[in-house]
């Protein structure tokens, strides 16, 4: 989500110091928890919750099918143009679609995203009275109901809804699944090779303690960028190059031939 690192590492990792947290692979109850605990030795644990619900929703929509590098300028431009008076819902509900599309063009799919953002802003204003009412619902509503309501918005899928629950609502037990999490979880053997995003989420949320799910999401994304990429994971050339090698089944990764395939296409 483009956040800066927190001031102190509360995951207990050697690289960050900070206070010790319950991230010990040796005492983990499941393989998935052991992986998250191992990630706790590599990355900083973020703090979760506290973001404005509607702003978080808009930011996440902008990030769909694009990188943080592309979506961040789009978000900044949107905020500069539409959030001057502190009423982003009203400004976007009344926005000219073409003008909004031009404003967020850096994010890609800007015509589609602008239409969806305006429609969502209109619904938020009508159903929740604006930003404050929507924010209260996201933070205090029953999580399943919040998720269902978010999924009812056109353009909001499971990952977007879960990110709002995590980063705005601060809800435990929420493990958003993006392309990195989907790939890594199946490659490691933590979920069936043919599992879709929702099935992966169900496996992870059942196997990882609620208080570790948020960290697992952000850390697994970072791990995917640095070590376990789609086309050239670190283990392909050097098994010792991956800090999580002991936890991984390498499904779909064939160092002998240099081939990497989607886990669902892996041979037995």
Protein backbone atom coordinates (compact mmCIF):
# COMPACT_ATOMS: atom_id res chain seq x y z
CA UNK A 1 0.00 0.00 0.00
CA UNK A 2 3.01 2.27 -0.20
CA UNK A 3 3.37 2.89 3.52
CA UNK A 4 6.71 3.95 5.02
CA UNK A 5 8.27 1.54 7.47
CA UNK A 6 7.14 2.01 11.09
CA UNK A 7 9.54 3.53 13.60
CA UNK A 8 10.22 0.21 15.27
CA UNK A 9 9.99 -3.39 14.27
CA UNK A 10 7.51 -5.25 16.44
CA UNK A 11 7.86 -8.56 14.62
CA UNK A 12 11.09 -9.38 16.44
CA UNK A 13 13.18 -9.69 13.29
CA UNK A 14 16.96 -9.50 13.59
CA UNK A 15 17.21 -6.78 10.96
CA UNK A 16 14.99 -4.32 12.75
CA UNK A 17 15.34 -4.82 16.48
CA UNK A 18 12.39 -3.54 18.46
CA UNK A 19 10.46 -5.57 20.97
CA UNK A 20 10.12 -9.32 20.72
CA UNK A 21 6.87 -10.62 19.29
CA UNK A 22 5.45 -14.14 18.99
CA UNK A 23 7.11 -14.93 15.66
CA UNK A 24 8.88 -18.24 16.27
CA UNK A 25 8.72 -20.84 13.46
CA UNK A 26 9.70 -23.59 15.91
CA UNK A 27 6.53 -23.13 17.95
CA UNK A 28 4.12 -22.53 15.07
CA UNK A 29 0.99 -24.65 15.01
CA UNK A 30 0.77 -24.95 11.22
CA UNK A 31 3.10 -24.72 8.23
CA UNK A 32 1.44 -21.48 7.15
CA UNK A 33 2.05 -19.94 10.56
CA UNK A 34 5.68 -21.12 10.42
CA UNK A 35 6.10 -19.32 7.10
CA UNK A 36 4.63 -16.11 8.52
CA UNK A 37 6.87 -16.46 11.58
CA UNK A 38 9.91 -16.89 9.34
CA UNK A 39 8.89 -13.74 7.49
CA UNK A 40 8.87 -12.03 10.89
CA UNK A 41 12.64 -12.42 10.91
CA UNK A 42 12.92 -10.59 7.60
CA UNK A 43 10.45 -7.74 7.59
CA UNK A 44 8.95 -5.03 9.74
CA UNK A 45 5.46 -5.56 11.05
CA UNK A 46 3.14 -2.74 10.06
CA UNK A 47 0.45 -1.30 12.26
CA UNK A 48 -3.01 -1.99 10.89
CA UNK A 49 -6.16 0.06 10.98
CA UNK A 50 -6.77 3.76 11.40
CA UNK A 51 -7.06 4.81 7.79
CA UNK A 52 -10.16 6.59 6.60
CA UNK A 53 -12.44 3.91 5.17
CA UNK A 54 -13.48 5.69 1.98
CA UNK A 55 -10.03 7.04 1.21
CA UNK A 56 -8.61 3.55 1.70
CA UNK A 57 -11.23 2.12 -0.66
CA UNK A 58 -10.43 4.68 -3.35
CA UNK A 59 -6.69 4.14 -2.96
CA UNK A 60 -7.11 0.39 -3.29
CA UNK A 61 -9.27 0.71 -6.41
CA UNK A 62 -6.58 2.88 -7.97
CA UNK A 63 -3.98 0.20 -7.20
CA UNK A 64 -5.90 -2.53 -9.02
CA UNK A 65 -3.98 -4.04 -11.95
CA UNK A 66 -1.11 -1.62 -11.55
CA UNK A 67 1.96 -1.00 -9.41
CA UNK A 68 2.34 1.26 -6.38
CA UNK A 69 4.71 3.35 -8.50
CA UNK A 70 1.87 4.07 -10.93
CA UNK A 71 -1.04 4.28 -8.50
CA UNK A 72 0.58 6.63 -5.98
CA UNK A 73 0.78 9.63 -8.38
CA UNK A 74 -2.83 8.99 -9.37
CA UNK A 75 -3.90 9.00 -5.73
CA UNK A 76 -1.93 12.18 -5.01
CA UNK A 77 -3.45 13.94 -8.02
CA UNK A 78 -6.95 12.86 -6.98
CA UNK A 79 -6.43 14.13 -3.43
CA UNK A 80 -5.05 17.45 -4.66
CA UNK A 81 -8.02 18.07 -6.93
CA UNK A 82 -10.94 16.64 -4.96
CA UNK A 83 -10.08 16.62 -1.27
CA UNK A 84 -9.40 20.31 -0.69
CA UNK A 85 -12.57 20.87 1.36
CA UNK A 86 -12.24 17.65 3.36
CA UNK A 87 -15.34 16.06 1.82
CA UNK A 88 -13.95 13.56 -0.65
CA UNK A 89 -17.20 11.60 -0.96
CA UNK A 90 -19.22 14.63 -2.05
CA UNK A 91 -16.51 15.87 -4.38
CA UNK A 92 -16.20 12.54 -6.14
CA UNK A 93 -19.94 11.86 -6.21
CA UNK A 94 -20.37 15.15 -8.10
CA UNK A 95 -17.21 14.83 -10.19
CA UNK A 96 -17.13 14.98 -13.96
CA UNK A 97 -16.15 11.49 -15.10
CA UNK A 98 -13.83 12.64 -17.89
CA UNK A 99 -12.06 15.08 -15.60
CA UNK A 100 -11.59 12.40 -12.94
CA UNK A 101 -10.31 9.95 -15.57
CA UNK A 102 -7.69 12.45 -16.69
CA UNK A 103 -6.72 13.10 -13.07
CA UNK A 104 -6.05 9.43 -12.30
CA UNK A 105 -4.65 8.47 -15.70
CA UNK A 106 -1.31 7.39 -14.19
CA UNK A 107 -3.04 4.42 -12.58
CA UNK A 108 -4.19 2.82 -15.84
CA UNK A 109 -7.72 1.67 -16.69
CA UNK A 110 -8.65 5.22 -15.74
CA UNK A 111 -11.98 5.38 -17.57
CA UNK A 112 -13.23 2.24 -15.85
CA UNK A 113 -11.85 3.26 -12.46
CA UNK A 114 -13.24 6.78 -12.64
CA UNK A 115 -16.74 5.49 -13.43
CA UNK A 116 -16.57 3.05 -10.54
CA UNK A 117 -15.22 5.57 -8.05
CA UNK A 118 -17.99 8.06 -8.86
CA UNK A 119 -20.68 5.37 -8.57
CA UNK A 120 -19.28 4.18 -5.24
CA UNK A 121 -19.07 7.75 -3.92
CA UNK A 122 -22.73 8.27 -4.84
CA UNK A 123 -23.73 5.11 -2.97
CA UNK A 124 -21.64 5.99 0.07
CA UNK A 125 -23.26 9.41 0.25
CA UNK A 126 -26.74 7.94 -0.18
CA UNK A 127 -26.41 4.92 2.13
CA UNK A 128 -24.01 6.18 4.81
CA UNK A 129 -24.39 9.95 4.68
CA UNK A 130 -20.76 10.49 3.71
CA UNK A 131 -17.25 9.67 4.83
CA UNK A 132 -17.85 9.64 8.58
CA UNK A 133 -20.79 7.23 8.43
CA UNK A 134 -18.97 4.91 6.06
CA UNK A 135 -15.83 4.99 8.18
CA UNK A 136 -17.83 4.05 11.29
CA UNK A 137 -19.42 1.16 9.44
CA UNK A 138 -16.05 -0.14 8.21
CA UNK A 139 -14.48 0.06 11.67
CA UNK A 140 -17.41 -1.02 13.85
CA UNK A 141 -19.65 -3.15 11.64
CA UNK A 142 -19.71 -6.93 11.80
CA UNK A 143 -16.77 -7.99 9.58
CA UNK A 144 -18.73 -10.40 7.39
CA UNK A 145 -21.42 -7.79 6.78
CA UNK A 146 -18.81 -5.12 6.00
CA UNK A 147 -17.12 -7.45 3.52
CA UNK A 148 -20.41 -8.35 1.86
CA UNK A 149 -21.41 -4.70 1.53
CA UNK A 150 -18.04 -3.80 0.04
CA UNK A 151 -18.25 -6.66 -2.44
CA UNK A 152 -21.65 -5.34 -3.54
CA UNK A 153 -19.93 -2.23 -4.94
CA UNK A 154 -19.13 -2.57 -8.64
CA UNK A 155 -15.37 -2.83 -9.03
CA UNK A 156 -14.68 -4.10 -5.51
CA UNK A 157 -13.37 -7.65 -5.40
CA UNK A 158 -12.29 -9.80 -2.46
CA UNK A 159 -8.74 -8.42 -2.26
CA UNK A 160 -9.96 -4.81 -2.29
CA UNK A 161 -12.61 -5.52 0.35
CA UNK A 162 -10.10 -7.31 2.56
CA UNK A 163 -7.57 -4.48 2.27
CA UNK A 164 -10.21 -2.03 3.49
CA UNK A 165 -11.06 -4.34 6.40
CA UNK A 166 -7.37 -4.61 7.29
CA UNK A 167 -5.94 -1.15 6.66
CA UNK A 168 -8.99 0.94 7.59
CA UNK A 169 -10.87 -1.39 9.92
CA UNK A 170 -7.83 -2.90 11.63
CA UNK A 171 -9.57 -6.26 11.67
CA UNK A 172 -7.69 -9.33 12.80
CA UNK A 173 -7.95 -12.58 10.87
CA UNK A 174 -8.01 -10.83 7.48
CA UNK A 175 -5.41 -12.07 4.99
CA UNK A 176 -5.88 -10.28 1.64
CA UNK A 177 -4.71 -12.34 -1.32
CA UNK A 178 -3.06 -10.60 -4.25
CA UNK A 179 -1.06 -12.16 -7.08
CA UNK A 180 2.06 -12.52 -4.91
CA UNK A 181 0.24 -14.24 -2.05
CA UNK A 182 -1.67 -16.46 -4.46
CA UNK A 183 1.51 -17.58 -6.22
CA UNK A 184 3.70 -18.03 -3.14
CA UNK A 185 1.13 -19.91 -1.08
CA UNK A 186 0.59 -22.51 -3.79
CA UNK A 187 4.28 -22.67 -4.71
CA UNK A 188 5.18 -23.40 -1.10
CA UNK A 189 2.48 -26.03 -0.81
CA UNK A 190 0.39 -24.16 1.74
CA UNK A 191 -2.75 -24.45 -0.41
CA UNK A 192 -3.87 -26.72 -3.25
CA UNK A 193 -2.13 -25.97 -6.53
CA UNK A 194 -5.42 -25.24 -8.29
CA UNK A 195 -6.85 -23.05 -5.52
CA UNK A 196 -8.25 -19.70 -6.63
CA UNK A 197 -7.68 -16.49 -4.67
CA UNK A 198 -10.66 -17.05 -2.38
CA UNK A 199 -9.67 -20.63 -1.61
CA UNK A 200 -6.13 -19.51 -0.79
CA UNK A 201 -7.55 -16.85 1.54
CA UNK A 202 -9.67 -19.44 3.31
CA UNK A 203 -6.67 -21.72 3.82
CA UNK A 204 -4.50 -18.92 5.17
CA UNK A 205 -7.10 -17.43 7.50
CA UNK A 206 -7.78 -20.88 8.91
CA UNK A 207 -4.10 -21.69 9.45
CA UNK A 208 -2.60 -18.37 10.57
CA UNK A 209 -3.52 -16.78 13.94
CA UNK A 210 -5.72 -13.72 13.54
CA UNK A 211 -3.12 -11.32 14.93
CA UNK A 212 -0.55 -12.45 12.35
CA UNK A 213 -2.68 -12.29 9.21
CA UNK A 214 -2.09 -8.62 8.44
CA UNK A 215 1.65 -8.99 8.77
CA UNK A 216 1.54 -12.16 6.70
CA UNK A 217 -0.13 -10.26 3.86
CA UNK A 218 2.31 -7.36 3.72
CA UNK A 219 5.40 -9.48 4.36
CA UNK A 220 4.49 -12.09 1.75
CA UNK A 221 4.10 -9.36 -0.87
CA UNK A 222 7.54 -8.01 0.00
CA UNK A 223 8.99 -11.52 -0.10
CA UNK A 224 7.46 -12.06 -3.53
CA UNK A 225 9.05 -8.90 -4.85
CA UNK A 226 12.48 -9.63 -3.41
CA UNK A 227 12.83 -13.42 -3.56
CA UNK A 228 9.87 -15.35 -4.96
CA UNK A 229 9.02 -13.62 -8.23
CA UNK A 230 6.77 -15.22 -10.80
CA UNK A 231 9.38 -15.90 -13.46
CA UNK A 232 12.71 -16.09 -11.63
CA UNK A 233 12.48 -17.04 -7.95
CA UNK A 234 15.75 -16.89 -6.02
CA UNK A 235 15.85 -20.68 -5.61
CA UNK A 236 15.99 -21.24 -9.36
CA UNK A 237 19.74 -20.59 -9.54
CA UNK A 238 20.73 -21.09 -5.92
CA UNK A 239 18.63 -23.05 -3.39
CA UNK A 240 20.44 -21.30 -0.55
CA UNK A 241 19.51 -17.85 -1.88
CA UNK A 242 15.98 -18.11 -0.50
CA UNK A 243 15.60 -17.53 3.26
CA UNK A 244 12.40 -19.60 3.29
CA UNK A 245 13.78 -22.59 1.37
CA UNK A 246 13.23 -24.94 4.33
CA UNK A 247 9.51 -24.15 4.30
CA UNK A 248 8.90 -24.48 0.55
CA UNK A 249 7.80 -27.38 -1.69
CA UNK A 250 8.99 -25.53 -4.83
CA UNK A 251 5.81 -26.50 -6.69
CA UNK A 252 6.28 -25.54 -10.33
CA UNK A 253 9.94 -24.57 -9.92
CA UNK A 254 12.47 -26.86 -11.63
CA UNK A 255 16.07 -25.74 -10.97
CA UNK A 256 17.52 -28.58 -13.05
CA UNK A 257 15.85 -27.35 -16.24
CA UNK A 258 15.47 -23.69 -15.29
CA UNK A 259 11.74 -23.93 -15.88
CA UNK A 260 9.13 -22.10 -13.81
CA UNK A 261 5.40 -22.67 -14.29
CA UNK A 262 2.25 -21.76 -12.43
CA UNK A 263 1.75 -24.28 -9.59
CA UNK A 264 -1.54 -25.37 -11.15
CA UNK A 265 0.41 -26.49 -14.23
CA UNK A 266 3.15 -28.30 -12.31
CA UNK A 267 3.81 -31.94 -13.00
CA UNK A 268 3.64 -34.48 -10.20
